[in-house]
Amino acid sequence: MKTAHPLSITLPASGVLFAESVHTGDFQMAPRTDPFHKLLYVLRGQITCHETGRPGESIGTGMILVMPAGTRHRLEDEQPSTLLLLCLSPAFLRTDPELPRLWRELAGRRERRLALSRPSQLQVESTWRRALLERVHPRLGSATLGRALAARLLVTLARVPVLQPVSAPLTRVAAVARELEATFYDDWNLDRAATRAGVSRRHFSMLFRRVTGRTFWEQLTDLRLTHAAELLRQGEHSVTGVVFSCGFGDLSQFYRLFRQRYGLPPKQWADREKRKA
């Protein structure tokens, strides 16, 4: 539902609230101070944040605004905007020893706004969608999942590189390469990677080689095989479990690639490593 005024927010007992605010063309907001922390993701449009003692900051589509509790501020639409909000109570941040550190990392930066790469935007939007689904259709575990998604979002934003508002294709491809290092076990392919970087398959392949020194498939295979070898070395996983954990969809392909790299089938290699230890 579109609104001409800021949402009236009351946090639930969990201390976490995901919400959406769709602004009309005549949206107005008086200066306000909230007793909770806020993350605002601009899904569409553009806003300006006016904060006491700081110059106004323009936040466009795909950017995050970090607003600590107790900060007097006012939002103004430059264009009719749709905002995704995450509100966090100070008490929620105290439920895990790492959460205050993650929040300080975000709130302590020079600017309130964070410009994200396209892959990071997609991660943020996916997290918000799931959280809003759980809020609108609550079921067993929804509150717990909401807290987990909020913590996941803090980790994501604290880890991702902060970009200037306009990023070059090479920068976006480098961001995808970093994402691949962290999520190589997912169902990756060249189409997905190029789409995340916002470039064609051919352009992505050229830029990816420039960034990593390898083709996309060489890098993906290396990451998966390196992880597979570590799991086998630990001796706590079956070959089938290793194949699943590393993201290989085909057992015979895994055997072939592993033998090419390590010179032995997985089980024999693991037995040899165990004897060496």
C-alpha atoms as a PDB file:
ATOM      1  CA  MET A   1       0.000   0.000   0.000  1.00  0.00           C
ATOM      2  CA  LYS A   2       1.346   3.422  -0.952  1.00  0.00           C
ATOM      3  CA  THR A   3       1.823   5.969   1.794  1.00  0.00           C
ATOM      4  CA  ALA A   4       2.376   9.723   1.997  1.00  0.00           C
ATOM      5  CA  HIS A   5       3.830   9.452   5.511  1.00  0.00           C
ATOM      6  CA  PRO A   6       6.469   7.336   7.285  1.00  0.00           C
ATOM      7  CA  LEU A   7       5.392   3.977   8.671  1.00  0.00           C
ATOM      8  CA  SER A   8       4.372   3.767  12.305  1.00  0.00           C
ATOM      9  CA  ILE A   9       6.715   1.085  13.627  1.00  0.00           C
ATOM     10  CA  THR A  10       6.436  -1.012  16.760  1.00  0.00           C
ATOM     11  CA  LEU A  11       9.048  -3.722  17.101  1.00  0.00           C
ATOM     12  CA  PRO A  12       7.909  -7.232  18.062  1.00  0.00           C
ATOM     13  CA  ALA A  13       9.385  -9.075  21.034  1.00  0.00           C
ATOM     14  CA  SER A  14      12.090 -10.519  18.756  1.00  0.00           C
ATOM     15  CA  GLY A  15      13.504  -7.025  18.232  1.00  0.00           C
ATOM     16  CA  VAL A  16      13.530  -7.527  14.446  1.00  0.00           C
ATOM     17  CA  LEU A  17      11.105  -6.121  11.899  1.00  0.00           C
ATOM     18  CA  PHE A  18      11.309  -6.351   8.116  1.00  0.00           C
ATOM     19  CA  ALA A  19       8.911  -3.979   6.346  1.00  0.00           C
ATOM     20  CA  GLU A  20       8.203  -2.265   3.035  1.00  0.00           C
ATOM     21  CA  SER A  21       7.363   1.400   2.474  1.00  0.00           C
ATOM     22  CA  VAL A  22       5.973   2.446  -0.927  1.00  0.00           C
ATOM     23  CA  HIS A  23       5.882   6.232  -1.198  1.00  0.00           C
ATOM     24  CA  THR A  24       3.323   8.303  -3.068  1.00  0.00           C
ATOM     25  CA  GLY A  25       4.395  11.347  -5.051  1.00  0.00           C
ATOM     26  CA  ASP A  26       3.506  13.632  -2.123  1.00  0.00           C
ATOM     27  CA  PHE A  27       5.428  11.690   0.559  1.00  0.00           C
ATOM     28  CA  GLN A  28       6.482  13.889   3.465  1.00  0.00           C
ATOM     29  CA  MET A  29       8.436  13.129   6.604  1.00  0.00           C
ATOM     30  CA  ALA A  30       9.061  15.352   9.597  1.00  0.00           C
ATOM     31  CA  PRO A  31      12.402  15.056  11.423  1.00  0.00           C
ATOM     32  CA  ARG A  32      12.321  12.041  13.735  1.00  0.00           C
ATOM     33  CA  THR A  33      14.438  10.055  16.165  1.00  0.00           C
ATOM     34  CA  ASP A  34      13.889   6.311  16.514  1.00  0.00           C
ATOM     35  CA  PRO A  35      14.823   4.151  19.511  1.00  0.00           C
ATOM     36  CA  PHE A  36      15.941   1.363  17.174  1.00  0.00           C
ATOM     37  CA  HIS A  37      18.532   0.942  14.440  1.00  0.00           C
ATOM     38  CA  LYS A  38      17.427   0.957  10.794  1.00  0.00           C
ATOM     39  CA  LEU A  39      18.684  -0.322   7.470  1.00  0.00           C
ATOM     40  CA  LEU A  40      16.819   1.087   4.472  1.00  0.00           C
ATOM     41  CA  TYR A  41      17.320  -0.451   1.046  1.00  0.00           C
ATOM     42  CA  VAL A  42      16.128   1.615  -1.916  1.00  0.00           C
ATOM     43  CA  LEU A  43      14.398  -0.888  -4.165  1.00  0.00           C
ATOM     44  CA  ARG A  44      13.144   1.793  -6.550  1.00  0.00           C
ATOM     45  CA  GLY A  45      13.490   5.545  -6.811  1.00  0.00           C
ATOM     46  CA  GLN A  46      15.839   7.910  -5.010  1.00  0.00           C
ATOM     47  CA  ILE A  47      15.805   9.624  -1.609  1.00  0.00           C
ATOM     48  CA  THR A  48      17.824  12.213   0.253  1.00  0.00           C
ATOM     49  CA  CYS A  49      18.627  11.720   3.922  1.00  0.00           C
ATOM     50  CA  HIS A  50      18.904  14.906   5.988  1.00  0.00           C
ATOM     51  CA  GLU A  51      20.614  14.344   9.327  1.00  0.00           C
ATOM     52  CA  THR A  52      21.382  16.881  12.013  1.00  0.00           C
ATOM     53  CA  GLY A  53      25.019  17.919  11.803  1.00  0.00           C
ATOM     54  CA  ARG A  54      25.735  16.169   8.470  1.00  0.00           C
ATOM     55  CA  PRO A  55      25.312  17.150   4.822  1.00  0.00           C
ATOM     56  CA  GLY A  56      22.400  15.567   2.975  1.00  0.00           C
ATOM     57  CA  GLU A  57      23.148  12.266   1.252  1.00  0.00           C
ATOM     58  CA  SER A  58      21.437  11.067  -1.915  1.00  0.00           C
ATOM     59  CA  ILE A  59      20.599   7.353  -1.900  1.00  0.00           C
ATOM     60  CA  GLY A  60      19.575   5.770  -5.189  1.00  0.00           C
ATOM     61  CA  THR A  61      18.207   2.430  -6.319  1.00  0.00           C
ATOM     62  CA  GLY A  62      20.246  -0.504  -5.012  1.00  0.00           C
ATOM     63  CA  MET A  63      21.846   1.443  -2.164  1.00  0.00           C
ATOM     64  CA  ILE A  64      21.566   1.002   1.598  1.00  0.00           C
ATOM     65  CA  LEU A  65      21.048   3.715   4.206  1.00  0.00           C
ATOM     66  CA  VAL A  66      22.404   2.897   7.682  1.00  0.00           C
ATOM     67  CA  MET A  67      20.634   4.822  10.462  1.00  0.00           C
ATOM     68  CA  PRO A  68      21.698   4.246  14.101  1.00  0.00           C
ATOM     69  CA  ALA A  69      19.175   4.532  16.917  1.00  0.00           C
ATOM     70  CA  GLY A  70      18.857   7.975  18.436  1.00  0.00           C
ATOM     71  CA  THR A  71      19.832   9.797  15.231  1.00  0.00           C
ATOM     72  CA  ARG A  72      17.591  12.722  14.258  1.00  0.00           C
ATOM     73  CA  HIS A  73      16.914  12.498  10.541  1.00  0.00           C
ATOM     74  CA  ARG A  74      14.433  13.208   7.769  1.00  0.00           C
ATOM     75  CA  LEU A  75      13.926  11.461   4.431  1.00  0.00           C
ATOM     76  CA  GLU A  76      12.889  13.289   1.287  1.00  0.00           C
ATOM     77  CA  ASP A  77      11.939  11.668  -2.011  1.00  0.00           C
ATOM     78  CA  GLU A  78      13.836  12.845  -5.056  1.00  0.00           C
ATOM     79  CA  GLN A  79      11.699  10.357  -6.984  1.00  0.00           C
ATOM     80  CA  PRO A  80       8.722   8.328  -5.700  1.00  0.00           C
ATOM     81  CA  SER A  81      10.480   5.511  -3.895  1.00  0.00           C
ATOM     82  CA  THR A  82       9.980   1.997  -2.594  1.00  0.00           C
ATOM     83  CA  LEU A  83      12.045   1.246   0.503  1.00  0.00           C
ATOM     84  CA  LEU A  84      12.750  -2.058   2.249  1.00  0.00           C
ATOM     85  CA  LEU A  85      13.299  -1.528   5.955  1.00  0.00           C
ATOM     86  CA  LEU A  86      15.017  -3.624   8.590  1.00  0.00           C
ATOM     87  CA  CYS A  87      14.522  -2.309  12.120  1.00  0.00           C
ATOM     88  CA  LEU A  88      16.667  -3.733  14.915  1.00  0.00           C
ATOM     89  CA  SER A  89      16.403  -3.144  18.633  1.00  0.00           C
ATOM     90  CA  PRO A  90      19.644  -2.576  20.589  1.00  0.00           C
ATOM     91  CA  ALA A  91      18.602  -5.595  22.668  1.00  0.00           C
ATOM     92  CA  PHE A  92      18.650  -7.816  19.542  1.00  0.00           C
ATOM     93  CA  LEU A  93      22.263  -6.861  18.863  1.00  0.00           C
ATOM     94  CA  ARG A  94      23.165  -8.067  22.355  1.00  0.00           C
ATOM     95  CA  THR A  95      21.858 -11.588  21.669  1.00  0.00           C
ATOM     96  CA  ASP A  96      25.102 -12.587  19.939  1.00  0.00           C
ATOM     97  CA  PRO A  97      28.621 -11.304  20.716  1.00  0.00           C
ATOM     98  CA  GLU A  98      29.413 -10.679  17.035  1.00  0.00           C
ATOM     99  CA  LEU A  99      26.303  -8.641  16.210  1.00  0.00           C
ATOM    100  CA  PRO A 100      27.456  -5.400  17.922  1.00  0.00           C
ATOM    101  CA  ARG A 101      30.743  -5.609  16.036  1.00  0.00           C
ATOM    102  CA  LEU A 102      28.930  -6.077  12.719  1.00  0.00           C
ATOM    103  CA  TRP A 103      26.706  -3.097  13.431  1.00  0.00           C
ATOM    104  CA  ARG A 104      29.680  -0.911  14.407  1.00  0.00           C
ATOM    105  CA  GLU A 105      31.347  -1.856  11.128  1.00  0.00           C
ATOM    106  CA  LEU A 106      28.313  -0.589   9.206  1.00  0.00           C
ATOM    107  CA  ALA A 107      27.433   2.452  11.309  1.00  0.00           C
ATOM    108  CA  GLY A 108      31.029   3.607  11.757  1.00  0.00           C
ATOM    109  CA  ARG A 109      31.685   4.370   8.106  1.00  0.00           C
ATOM    110  CA  ARG A 110      32.113   7.924   6.917  1.00  0.00           C
ATOM    111  CA  GLU A 111      28.909   7.938   4.875  1.00  0.00           C
ATOM    112  CA  ARG A 112      25.515   6.604   5.903  1.00  0.00           C
ATOM    113  CA  ARG A 113      24.925   5.197   2.427  1.00  0.00           C
ATOM    114  CA  LEU A 114      26.403   2.003   1.043  1.00  0.00           C
ATOM    115  CA  ALA A 115      26.610   1.451  -2.707  1.00  0.00           C
ATOM    116  CA  LEU A 116      26.443  -2.282  -3.438  1.00  0.00           C
ATOM    117  CA  SER A 117      27.526  -4.359  -6.402  1.00  0.00           C
ATOM    118  CA  ARG A 118      24.743  -6.038  -8.352  1.00  0.00           C
ATOM    119  CA  PRO A 119      25.498  -9.480  -6.854  1.00  0.00           C
ATOM    120  CA  SER A 120      25.265  -7.968  -3.374  1.00  0.00           C
ATOM    121  CA  GLN A 121      21.987  -6.256  -4.281  1.00  0.00           C
ATOM    122  CA  LEU A 122      20.530  -9.610  -5.354  1.00  0.00           C
ATOM    123  CA  GLN A 123      21.603 -11.212  -2.066  1.00  0.00           C
ATOM    124  CA  VAL A 124      20.018  -8.384  -0.076  1.00  0.00           C
ATOM    125  CA  GLU A 125      16.774  -8.482  -2.059  1.00  0.00           C
ATOM    126  CA  SER A 126      16.503 -12.266  -1.716  1.00  0.00           C
ATOM    127  CA  THR A 127      16.938 -12.053   2.066  1.00  0.00           C
ATOM    128  CA  TRP A 128      14.278  -9.355   2.339  1.00  0.00           C
ATOM    129  CA  ARG A 129      11.806 -11.320   0.218  1.00  0.00           C
ATOM    130  CA  ARG A 130      12.150 -14.362   2.442  1.00  0.00           C
ATOM    131  CA  ALA A 131      11.820 -12.282   5.605  1.00  0.00           C
ATOM    132  CA  LEU A 132       8.694 -10.508   4.360  1.00  0.00           C
ATOM    133  CA  LEU A 133       7.181 -13.863   3.378  1.00  0.00           C
ATOM    134  CA  GLU A 134       7.725 -15.179   6.900  1.00  0.00           C
ATOM    135  CA  ARG A 135       6.223 -12.021   8.377  1.00  0.00           C
ATOM    136  CA  VAL A 136       3.097 -12.042   6.186  1.00  0.00           C
ATOM    137  CA  HIS A 137       2.563 -15.808   6.491  1.00  0.00           C
ATOM    138  CA  PRO A 138       3.855 -16.684   9.974  1.00  0.00           C
ATOM    139  CA  ARG A 139       4.336 -20.319  10.852  1.00  0.00           C
ATOM    140  CA  LEU A 140       6.384 -22.428  13.211  1.00  0.00           C
ATOM    141  CA  GLY A 141       9.881 -20.939  13.463  1.00  0.00           C
ATOM    142  CA  SER A 142       9.119 -17.667  11.639  1.00  0.00           C
ATOM    143  CA  ALA A 143      10.396 -15.459  14.477  1.00  0.00           C
ATOM    144  CA  THR A 144      13.598 -17.494  14.775  1.00  0.00           C
ATOM    145  CA  LEU A 145      14.137 -17.377  11.015  1.00  0.00           C
ATOM    146  CA  GLY A 146      13.507 -13.616  11.019  1.00  0.00           C
ATOM    147  CA  ARG A 147      16.277 -13.102  13.563  1.00  0.00           C
ATOM    148  CA  ALA A 148      18.592 -15.367  11.582  1.00  0.00           C
ATOM    149  CA  LEU A 149      17.880 -13.482   8.344  1.00  0.00           C
ATOM    150  CA  ALA A 150      18.561 -10.164  10.075  1.00  0.00           C
ATOM    151  CA  ALA A 151      21.903 -11.466  11.339  1.00  0.00           C
ATOM    152  CA  ARG A 152      22.686 -12.847   7.880  1.00  0.00           C
ATOM    153  CA  LEU A 153      21.980  -9.466   6.337  1.00  0.00           C
ATOM    154  CA  LEU A 154      24.350  -7.747   8.767  1.00  0.00           C
ATOM    155  CA  VAL A 155      27.083 -10.236   7.886  1.00  0.00           C
ATOM    156  CA  THR A 156      26.461  -9.770   4.154  1.00  0.00           C
ATOM    157  CA  LEU A 157      26.636  -5.991   4.332  1.00  0.00           C
ATOM    158  CA  ALA A 158      29.679  -5.950   6.605  1.00  0.00           C
ATOM    159  CA  ARG A 159      31.582  -8.294   4.272  1.00  0.00           C
ATOM    160  CA  VAL A 160      30.775  -6.997   0.819  1.00  0.00           C
ATOM    161  CA  PRO A 161      33.047  -4.412  -0.763  1.00  0.00           C
ATOM    162  CA  VAL A 162      31.570  -0.929  -0.739  1.00  0.00           C
ATOM    163  CA  LEU A 163      31.513   0.589  -4.207  1.00  0.00           C
ATOM    164  CA  GLN A 164      31.097   4.025  -5.604  1.00  0.00           C
ATOM    165  CA  PRO A 165      27.517   4.634  -6.805  1.00  0.00           C
ATOM    166  CA  VAL A 166      28.458   3.737 -10.396  1.00  0.00           C
ATOM    167  CA  SER A 167      30.637   0.658 -10.807  1.00  0.00           C
ATOM    168  CA  ALA A 168      32.439  -0.422 -13.971  1.00  0.00           C
ATOM    169  CA  PRO A 169      31.849  -3.865 -15.512  1.00  0.00           C
ATOM    170  CA  LEU A 170      35.295  -5.024 -14.347  1.00  0.00           C
ATOM    171  CA  THR A 171      34.401  -4.116 -10.755  1.00  0.00           C
ATOM    172  CA  ARG A 172      31.105  -6.010 -10.994  1.00  0.00           C
ATOM    173  CA  VAL A 173      32.826  -9.093 -12.415  1.00  0.00           C
ATOM    174  CA  ALA A 174      35.398  -8.940  -9.593  1.00  0.00           C
ATOM    175  CA  ALA A 175      32.506  -8.867  -7.123  1.00  0.00           C
ATOM    176  CA  VAL A 176      31.035 -11.995  -8.737  1.00  0.00           C
ATOM    177  CA  ALA A 177      34.444 -13.687  -8.489  1.00  0.00           C
ATOM    178  CA  ARG A 178      34.496 -12.972  -4.754  1.00  0.00           C
ATOM    179  CA  GLU A 179      30.934 -14.236  -4.406  1.00  0.00           C
ATOM    180  CA  LEU A 180      31.919 -17.422  -6.241  1.00  0.00           C
ATOM    181  CA  GLU A 181      34.713 -18.032  -3.722  1.00  0.00           C
ATOM    182  CA  ALA A 182      32.155 -17.951  -0.908  1.00  0.00           C
ATOM    183  CA  THR A 183      29.331 -19.871  -2.612  1.00  0.00           C
ATOM    184  CA  PHE A 184      31.014 -22.244  -5.089  1.00  0.00           C
ATOM    185  CA  TYR A 185      28.816 -25.078  -3.758  1.00  0.00           C
ATOM    186  CA  ASP A 186      25.708 -23.397  -5.221  1.00  0.00           C
ATOM    187  CA  ASP A 187      24.265 -24.171  -8.654  1.00  0.00           C
ATOM    188  CA  TRP A 188      26.572 -21.852 -10.601  1.00  0.00           C
ATOM    189  CA  ASN A 189      26.826 -21.585 -14.367  1.00  0.00           C
ATOM    190  CA  LEU A 190      28.112 -18.999 -16.802  1.00  0.00           C
ATOM    191  CA  ASP A 191      24.657 -17.557 -17.500  1.00  0.00           C
ATOM    192  CA  ARG A 192      24.006 -16.941 -13.801  1.00  0.00           C
ATOM    193  CA  ALA A 193      27.425 -15.351 -13.294  1.00  0.00           C
ATOM    194  CA  ALA A 194      27.111 -13.042 -16.312  1.00  0.00           C
ATOM    195  CA  THR A 195      23.596 -11.999 -15.273  1.00  0.00           C
ATOM    196  CA  ARG A 196      24.810 -11.141 -11.768  1.00  0.00           C
ATOM    197  CA  ALA A 197      27.518  -8.940 -13.266  1.00  0.00           C
ATOM    198  CA  GLY A 198      25.111  -7.324 -15.723  1.00  0.00           C
ATOM    199  CA  VAL A 199      27.188  -8.133 -18.823  1.00  0.00           C
ATOM    200  CA  SER A 200      27.045 -10.580 -21.719  1.00  0.00           C
ATOM    201  CA  ARG A 201      28.497 -14.087 -21.411  1.00  0.00           C
ATOM    202  CA  ARG A 202      31.339 -13.241 -23.774  1.00  0.00           C
ATOM    203  CA  HIS A 203      32.218  -9.991 -22.013  1.00  0.00           C
ATOM    204  CA  PHE A 204      31.994 -11.694 -18.625  1.00  0.00           C
ATOM    205  CA  SER A 205      34.339 -14.497 -19.710  1.00  0.00           C
ATOM    206  CA  MET A 206      36.923 -11.995 -20.933  1.00  0.00           C
ATOM    207  CA  LEU A 207      36.749  -9.866 -17.763  1.00  0.00           C
ATOM    208  CA  PHE A 208      36.690 -12.877 -15.455  1.00  0.00           C
ATOM    209  CA  ARG A 209      39.934 -14.178 -16.930  1.00  0.00           C
ATOM    210  CA  ARG A 210      41.450 -10.733 -16.447  1.00  0.00           C
ATOM    211  CA  VAL A 211      40.411 -10.717 -12.781  1.00  0.00           C
ATOM    212  CA  THR A 212      41.324 -14.309 -11.840  1.00  0.00           C
ATOM    213  CA  GLY A 213      43.742 -15.502 -14.530  1.00  0.00           C
ATOM    214  CA  ARG A 214      41.391 -18.407 -15.234  1.00  0.00           C
ATOM    215  CA  THR A 215      38.217 -19.186 -17.082  1.00  0.00           C
ATOM    216  CA  PHE A 216      35.008 -19.244 -15.075  1.00  0.00           C
ATOM    217  CA  TRP A 217      34.815 -23.053 -15.189  1.00  0.00           C
ATOM    218  CA  GLU A 218      38.496 -23.467 -14.242  1.00  0.00           C
ATOM    219  CA  GLN A 219      37.985 -21.273 -11.179  1.00  0.00           C
ATOM    220  CA  LEU A 220      34.753 -22.954 -10.149  1.00  0.00           C
ATOM    221  CA  THR A 221      36.247 -26.431 -10.537  1.00  0.00           C
ATOM    222  CA  ASP A 222      39.372 -25.467  -8.587  1.00  0.00           C
ATOM    223  CA  LEU A 223      37.353 -24.099  -5.685  1.00  0.00           C
ATOM    224  CA  ARG A 224      35.191 -27.213  -5.537  1.00  0.00           C
ATOM    225  CA  LEU A 225      38.081 -29.675  -5.815  1.00  0.00           C
ATOM    226  CA  THR A 226      40.125 -27.858  -3.172  1.00  0.00           C
ATOM    227  CA  HIS A 227      37.195 -28.055  -0.771  1.00  0.00           C
ATOM    228  CA  ALA A 228      36.587 -31.705  -1.699  1.00  0.00           C
ATOM    229  CA  ALA A 229      40.188 -32.610  -0.903  1.00  0.00           C
ATOM    230  CA  GLU A 230      39.954 -30.931   2.499  1.00  0.00           C
ATOM    231  CA  LEU A 231      36.756 -32.798   3.354  1.00  0.00           C
ATOM    232  CA  LEU A 232      38.282 -36.112   2.278  1.00  0.00           C
ATOM    233  CA  ARG A 233      41.446 -35.367   4.273  1.00  0.00           C
ATOM    234  CA  GLN A 234      39.356 -34.917   7.409  1.00  0.00           C
ATOM    235  CA  GLY A 235      38.083 -38.463   6.963  1.00  0.00           C
ATOM    236  CA  GLU A 236      34.590 -37.704   8.263  1.00  0.00           C
ATOM    237  CA  HIS A 237      32.679 -37.658   4.972  1.00  0.00           C
ATOM    238  CA  SER A 238      31.683 -40.219   2.375  1.00  0.00           C
ATOM    239  CA  VAL A 239      32.539 -39.548  -1.253  1.00  0.00           C
ATOM    240  CA  THR A 240      28.847 -39.025  -1.970  1.00  0.00           C
ATOM    241  CA  GLY A 241      28.640 -36.488   0.860  1.00  0.00           C
ATOM    242  CA  VAL A 242      31.693 -34.678  -0.469  1.00  0.00           C
ATOM    243  CA  VAL A 243      30.199 -34.481  -3.950  1.00  0.00           C
ATOM    244  CA  PHE A 244      27.016 -32.961  -2.519  1.00  0.00           C
ATOM    245  CA  SER A 245      28.859 -30.522  -0.219  1.00  0.00           C
ATOM    246  CA  CYS A 246      31.038 -29.185  -3.025  1.00  0.00           C
ATOM    247  CA  GLY A 247      28.268 -28.625  -5.553  1.00  0.00           C
ATOM    248  CA  PHE A 248      29.110 -31.314  -8.086  1.00  0.00           C
ATOM    249  CA  GLY A 249      25.936 -32.564  -9.711  1.00  0.00           C
ATOM    250  CA  ASP A 250      27.403 -35.713 -11.207  1.00  0.00           C
ATOM    251  CA  LEU A 251      29.401 -38.395  -9.383  1.00  0.00           C
ATOM    252  CA  SER A 252      31.236 -39.624 -12.471  1.00  0.00           C
ATOM    253  CA  GLN A 253      32.276 -36.073 -13.374  1.00  0.00           C
ATOM    254  CA  PHE A 254      33.661 -35.597  -9.866  1.00  0.00           C
ATOM    255  CA  TYR A 255      35.679 -38.827 -10.064  1.00  0.00           C
ATOM    256  CA  ARG A 256      37.128 -37.803 -13.427  1.00  0.00           C
ATOM    257  CA  LEU A 257      38.062 -34.273 -12.366  1.00  0.00           C
ATOM    258  CA  PHE A 258      39.456 -35.373  -9.008  1.00  0.00           C
ATOM    259  CA  ARG A 259      41.679 -38.015 -10.603  1.00  0.00           C
ATOM    260  CA  GLN A 260      42.919 -35.542 -13.206  1.00  0.00           C
ATOM    261  CA  ARG A 261      44.027 -33.163 -10.472  1.00  0.00           C
ATOM    262  CA  TYR A 262      45.225 -35.493  -7.708  1.00  0.00           C
ATOM    263  CA  GLY A 263      46.283 -38.584  -9.673  1.00  0.00           C
ATOM    264  CA  LEU A 264      44.104 -41.040  -7.724  1.00  0.00           C
ATOM    265  CA  PRO A 265      40.398 -41.774  -7.229  1.00  0.00           C
ATOM    266  CA  PRO A 266      38.971 -39.933  -4.192  1.00  0.00           C
ATOM    267  CA  LYS A 267      38.882 -42.905  -1.789  1.00  0.00           C
ATOM    268  CA  GLN A 268      42.404 -44.057  -2.612  1.00  0.00           C
ATOM    269  CA  TRP A 269      43.708 -40.497  -2.306  1.00  0.00           C
ATOM    270  CA  ALA A 270      42.029 -40.090   1.090  1.00  0.00           C
ATOM    271  CA  ASP A 271      43.522 -43.398   2.308  1.00  0.00           C
ATOM    272  CA  ARG A 272      46.979 -42.302   1.189  1.00  0.00           C
ATOM    273  CA  GLU A 273      46.634 -38.961   2.965  1.00  0.00           C
ATOM    274  CA  LYS A 274      45.539 -40.762   6.128  1.00  0.00           C
ATOM    275  CA  ARG A 275      48.655 -42.989   6.026  1.00  0.00           C
ATOM    276  CA  LYS A 276      50.878 -39.957   5.474  1.00  0.00           C
ATOM    277  CA  ALA A 277      49.372 -38.259   8.526  1.00  0.00           C
END
